[in-house]
């Protein structure tokens, strides 16, 4: 597992704040496999076997679960250098 990822502890609450709509969702960590880097979450009555499967169930599309739940910093998009105009 990469050094950039933060492994949560059982009982931790993970919160995802939506960017395009108001609100947030909270998930509870119910198991952690440190060797494999697998985290099982519970949201309401549903149990998800990975961070990514929980994120996909909420958003409706594939996501990197580590960045979705704020456990890994997202790399900033590379900016293309601006072309300077000739004067």
N, C-alpha and C. Protein backbone atom coordinates (compact mmCIF):
# COMPACT_ATOMS: atom_id res chain seq x y z
N UNK A 1 0.84 -1.19 0.00
CA UNK A 1 0.00 0.00 0.00
C UNK A 1 0.88 1.25 0.00
N UNK A 2 0.46 2.23 -0.74
CA UNK A 2 1.23 3.47 -0.86
C UNK A 2 1.29 4.24 0.45
N UNK A 3 2.38 4.97 0.66
CA UNK A 3 2.53 5.79 1.86
C UNK A 3 1.54 6.95 1.88
N UNK A 4 0.98 7.28 0.71
CA UNK A 4 0.07 8.42 0.62
C UNK A 4 -1.31 8.11 1.20
N UNK A 5 -1.63 6.83 1.38
CA UNK A 5 -2.96 6.44 1.85
C UNK A 5 -2.99 6.36 3.37
N UNK A 6 -4.11 6.79 3.95
CA UNK A 6 -4.32 6.68 5.38
C UNK A 6 -5.26 5.51 5.64
N UNK A 7 -4.80 4.51 6.38
CA UNK A 7 -5.63 3.36 6.69
C UNK A 7 -6.50 3.68 7.89
N UNK A 8 -7.83 3.63 7.74
CA UNK A 8 -8.71 3.96 8.87
C UNK A 8 -8.74 2.83 9.89
N UNK A 9 -9.33 3.11 11.04
CA UNK A 9 -9.48 2.11 12.11
C UNK A 9 -10.94 1.69 12.17
N UNK A 10 -11.17 0.49 12.67
CA UNK A 10 -12.54 0.00 12.84
C UNK A 10 -13.29 0.99 13.74
N UNK A 11 -14.49 1.34 13.34
CA UNK A 11 -15.31 2.29 14.09
C UNK A 11 -15.19 3.72 13.60
N UNK A 12 -14.15 4.02 12.79
CA UNK A 12 -14.02 5.37 12.24
C UNK A 12 -15.21 5.70 11.35
N UNK A 13 -15.56 6.96 11.30
CA UNK A 13 -16.61 7.46 10.42
C UNK A 13 -15.93 8.19 9.26
N UNK A 14 -16.27 7.79 8.05
CA UNK A 14 -15.75 8.44 6.86
C UNK A 14 -16.86 9.29 6.27
N UNK A 15 -16.55 10.52 5.93
CA UNK A 15 -17.56 11.45 5.41
C UNK A 15 -17.15 11.91 4.02
N UNK A 16 -18.09 11.81 3.11
CA UNK A 16 -17.88 12.34 1.76
C UNK A 16 -18.81 13.53 1.57
N UNK A 17 -18.23 14.70 1.29
CA UNK A 17 -19.02 15.91 1.00
C UNK A 17 -19.19 16.00 -0.50
N UNK A 18 -20.43 16.10 -0.94
CA UNK A 18 -20.70 16.19 -2.37
C UNK A 18 -20.23 17.52 -2.91
N UNK A 19 -19.72 17.51 -4.13
CA UNK A 19 -19.24 18.73 -4.75
C UNK A 19 -20.31 19.42 -5.58
N UNK A 20 -21.14 18.64 -6.27
CA UNK A 20 -22.10 19.23 -7.19
C UNK A 20 -23.51 19.35 -6.62
N UNK A 21 -23.69 18.88 -5.40
CA UNK A 21 -24.99 19.03 -4.73
C UNK A 21 -24.75 19.19 -3.24
N UNK A 22 -25.74 19.70 -2.55
CA UNK A 22 -25.60 19.89 -1.11
C UNK A 22 -25.65 18.58 -0.38
N UNK A 23 -24.94 18.53 0.74
CA UNK A 23 -25.03 17.37 1.62
C UNK A 23 -23.77 16.54 1.66
N UNK A 24 -23.86 15.50 2.46
CA UNK A 24 -22.74 14.59 2.63
C UNK A 24 -23.30 13.21 2.98
N UNK A 25 -22.42 12.23 2.96
CA UNK A 25 -22.80 10.87 3.35
C UNK A 25 -21.74 10.34 4.30
N UNK A 26 -22.18 9.60 5.30
CA UNK A 26 -21.27 9.06 6.31
C UNK A 26 -21.28 7.55 6.24
N UNK A 27 -20.08 6.98 6.31
CA UNK A 27 -19.92 5.52 6.32
C UNK A 27 -19.12 5.13 7.55
N UNK A 28 -19.43 3.97 8.10
CA UNK A 28 -18.70 3.46 9.26
C UNK A 28 -17.78 2.33 8.81
N UNK A 29 -16.53 2.38 9.26
CA UNK A 29 -15.56 1.32 8.96
C UNK A 29 -15.86 0.14 9.87
N UNK A 30 -16.14 -1.04 9.26
CA UNK A 30 -16.46 -2.20 10.09
C UNK A 30 -15.37 -3.27 10.06
N UNK A 31 -14.46 -3.21 9.08
CA UNK A 31 -13.29 -4.10 9.11
C UNK A 31 -12.18 -3.51 8.26
N UNK A 32 -10.94 -3.85 8.64
CA UNK A 32 -9.76 -3.36 7.94
C UNK A 32 -8.77 -4.51 7.80
N UNK A 33 -8.33 -4.77 6.57
CA UNK A 33 -7.28 -5.76 6.32
C UNK A 33 -6.04 -4.98 5.90
N UNK A 34 -5.15 -4.74 6.85
CA UNK A 34 -3.98 -3.89 6.60
C UNK A 34 -3.04 -4.51 5.56
N UNK A 35 -2.93 -5.83 5.54
CA UNK A 35 -2.03 -6.48 4.58
C UNK A 35 -2.50 -6.27 3.15
N UNK A 36 -3.79 -6.40 2.93
CA UNK A 36 -4.34 -6.23 1.58
C UNK A 36 -4.76 -4.80 1.28
N UNK A 37 -4.89 -4.00 2.32
CA UNK A 37 -5.35 -2.63 2.13
C UNK A 37 -6.84 -2.56 1.83
N UNK A 38 -7.59 -3.54 2.33
CA UNK A 38 -9.03 -3.59 2.08
C UNK A 38 -9.80 -3.07 3.28
N UNK A 39 -10.79 -2.24 3.02
CA UNK A 39 -11.60 -1.63 4.06
C UNK A 39 -13.07 -1.93 3.76
N UNK A 40 -13.81 -2.46 4.73
CA UNK A 40 -15.23 -2.75 4.58
C UNK A 40 -16.03 -1.66 5.28
N UNK A 41 -17.06 -1.14 4.59
CA UNK A 41 -17.85 -0.03 5.10
C UNK A 41 -19.31 -0.42 5.26
N UNK A 42 -19.97 0.27 6.19
CA UNK A 42 -21.41 0.14 6.38
C UNK A 42 -22.03 1.52 6.22
N UNK A 43 -23.00 1.60 5.32
CA UNK A 43 -23.74 2.84 5.10
C UNK A 43 -25.21 2.49 5.28
N UNK A 44 -25.82 3.02 6.32
CA UNK A 44 -27.19 2.64 6.65
C UNK A 44 -27.19 1.17 7.03
N UNK A 45 -27.98 0.38 6.32
CA UNK A 45 -28.03 -1.07 6.57
C UNK A 45 -27.20 -1.85 5.56
N UNK A 46 -26.63 -1.17 4.57
CA UNK A 46 -25.85 -1.82 3.51
C UNK A 46 -24.39 -1.96 3.91
N UNK A 47 -23.80 -3.09 3.57
CA UNK A 47 -22.38 -3.34 3.81
C UNK A 47 -21.68 -3.44 2.47
N UNK A 48 -20.55 -2.74 2.34
CA UNK A 48 -19.77 -2.72 1.10
C UNK A 48 -18.38 -3.29 1.38
N UNK A 49 -17.93 -4.18 0.51
CA UNK A 49 -16.68 -4.90 0.72
C UNK A 49 -15.44 -4.07 0.41
N UNK A 50 -15.62 -2.88 -0.14
CA UNK A 50 -14.46 -2.03 -0.43
C UNK A 50 -14.88 -0.56 -0.45
N UNK A 51 -13.88 0.29 -0.35
CA UNK A 51 -14.13 1.74 -0.43
C UNK A 51 -14.71 2.10 -1.79
N UNK A 52 -14.19 1.47 -2.84
CA UNK A 52 -14.64 1.78 -4.19
C UNK A 52 -16.07 1.31 -4.45
N UNK A 53 -16.43 0.14 -3.94
CA UNK A 53 -17.80 -0.35 -4.16
C UNK A 53 -18.82 0.55 -3.45
N UNK A 54 -18.47 1.06 -2.29
CA UNK A 54 -19.35 2.00 -1.59
C UNK A 54 -19.47 3.30 -2.37
N UNK A 55 -18.34 3.81 -2.86
CA UNK A 55 -18.34 5.05 -3.63
C UNK A 55 -19.16 4.90 -4.91
N UNK A 56 -19.03 3.75 -5.57
CA UNK A 56 -19.77 3.52 -6.81
C UNK A 56 -21.28 3.43 -6.53
N UNK A 57 -21.66 2.79 -5.44
CA UNK A 57 -23.07 2.67 -5.10
C UNK A 57 -23.70 4.05 -4.86
N UNK A 58 -22.94 4.95 -4.28
CA UNK A 58 -23.45 6.30 -3.98
C UNK A 58 -23.49 7.17 -5.24
N UNK A 59 -22.39 7.15 -5.99
CA UNK A 59 -22.27 8.07 -7.12
C UNK A 59 -22.88 7.55 -8.41
N UNK A 60 -22.98 6.22 -8.54
CA UNK A 60 -23.52 5.65 -9.77
C UNK A 60 -22.49 5.39 -10.84
N UNK A 61 -21.22 5.67 -10.55
CA UNK A 61 -20.15 5.38 -11.51
C UNK A 61 -18.88 5.03 -10.76
N UNK A 62 -17.91 4.47 -11.48
CA UNK A 62 -16.66 4.01 -10.86
C UNK A 62 -15.88 5.19 -10.26
N UNK A 63 -15.31 4.94 -9.09
CA UNK A 63 -14.50 5.95 -8.39
C UNK A 63 -13.33 5.27 -7.72
N UNK A 64 -12.28 6.02 -7.49
CA UNK A 64 -11.21 5.55 -6.64
C UNK A 64 -11.70 5.78 -5.21
N UNK A 65 -11.94 4.71 -4.48
CA UNK A 65 -12.50 4.81 -3.14
C UNK A 65 -11.61 5.55 -2.16
N UNK A 66 -10.29 5.41 -2.32
CA UNK A 66 -9.36 6.09 -1.41
C UNK A 66 -9.50 7.61 -1.52
N UNK A 67 -9.61 8.13 -2.74
CA UNK A 67 -9.76 9.58 -2.89
C UNK A 67 -11.20 10.02 -2.60
N UNK A 68 -12.18 9.21 -2.95
CA UNK A 68 -13.59 9.55 -2.71
C UNK A 68 -13.85 9.77 -1.22
N UNK A 69 -13.27 8.93 -0.38
CA UNK A 69 -13.49 9.03 1.07
C UNK A 69 -12.43 9.88 1.76
N UNK A 70 -11.54 10.50 1.00
CA UNK A 70 -10.56 11.43 1.58
C UNK A 70 -9.41 10.76 2.31
N UNK A 71 -9.12 9.49 1.96
CA UNK A 71 -8.03 8.78 2.62
C UNK A 71 -6.73 8.86 1.82
N UNK A 72 -6.81 9.40 0.62
CA UNK A 72 -5.63 9.61 -0.21
C UNK A 72 -5.83 10.94 -0.91
N UNK A 73 -4.80 11.76 -0.91
CA UNK A 73 -4.90 13.06 -1.57
C UNK A 73 -4.92 12.86 -3.07
N UNK A 74 -5.82 13.58 -3.70
CA UNK A 74 -5.92 13.53 -5.15
C UNK A 74 -4.82 14.38 -5.75
N UNK A 75 -4.15 13.84 -6.75
CA UNK A 75 -3.09 14.60 -7.40
C UNK A 75 -3.72 15.71 -8.23
N UNK A 76 -3.17 16.91 -8.12
CA UNK A 76 -3.73 18.01 -8.91
C UNK A 76 -3.52 17.77 -10.40
N UNK A 77 -4.48 18.22 -11.19
CA UNK A 77 -4.34 18.08 -12.64
C UNK A 77 -3.20 18.95 -13.10
N UNK A 78 -2.43 18.42 -14.04
CA UNK A 78 -1.31 19.19 -14.57
C UNK A 78 -1.84 20.29 -15.47
N UNK A 79 -1.36 21.49 -15.22
CA UNK A 79 -1.75 22.63 -16.01
C UNK A 79 -0.83 22.73 -17.21
N UNK A 80 -1.42 22.97 -18.36
CA UNK A 80 -0.60 23.19 -19.55
C UNK A 80 0.01 24.58 -19.43
N UNK A 81 1.29 24.69 -19.78
CA UNK A 81 1.89 26.03 -19.71
C UNK A 81 1.19 26.98 -20.66
N UNK A 82 0.98 28.20 -20.19
CA UNK A 82 0.31 29.20 -21.01
C UNK A 82 1.29 29.72 -22.07
N UNK A 83 0.78 29.83 -23.27
CA UNK A 83 1.60 30.37 -24.35
C UNK A 83 1.66 31.88 -24.22
N UNK A 84 2.84 32.41 -24.34
CA UNK A 84 2.98 33.86 -24.28
C UNK A 84 2.80 34.43 -25.67
N UNK A 85 2.06 35.51 -25.71
CA UNK A 85 1.82 36.16 -26.99
C UNK A 85 3.02 37.00 -27.39
N UNK A 86 3.28 37.00 -28.66
CA UNK A 86 4.37 37.86 -29.18
C UNK A 86 3.89 39.29 -29.13
N UNK A 87 4.75 40.19 -28.74
CA UNK A 87 4.38 41.60 -28.64
C UNK A 87 4.83 42.37 -29.82
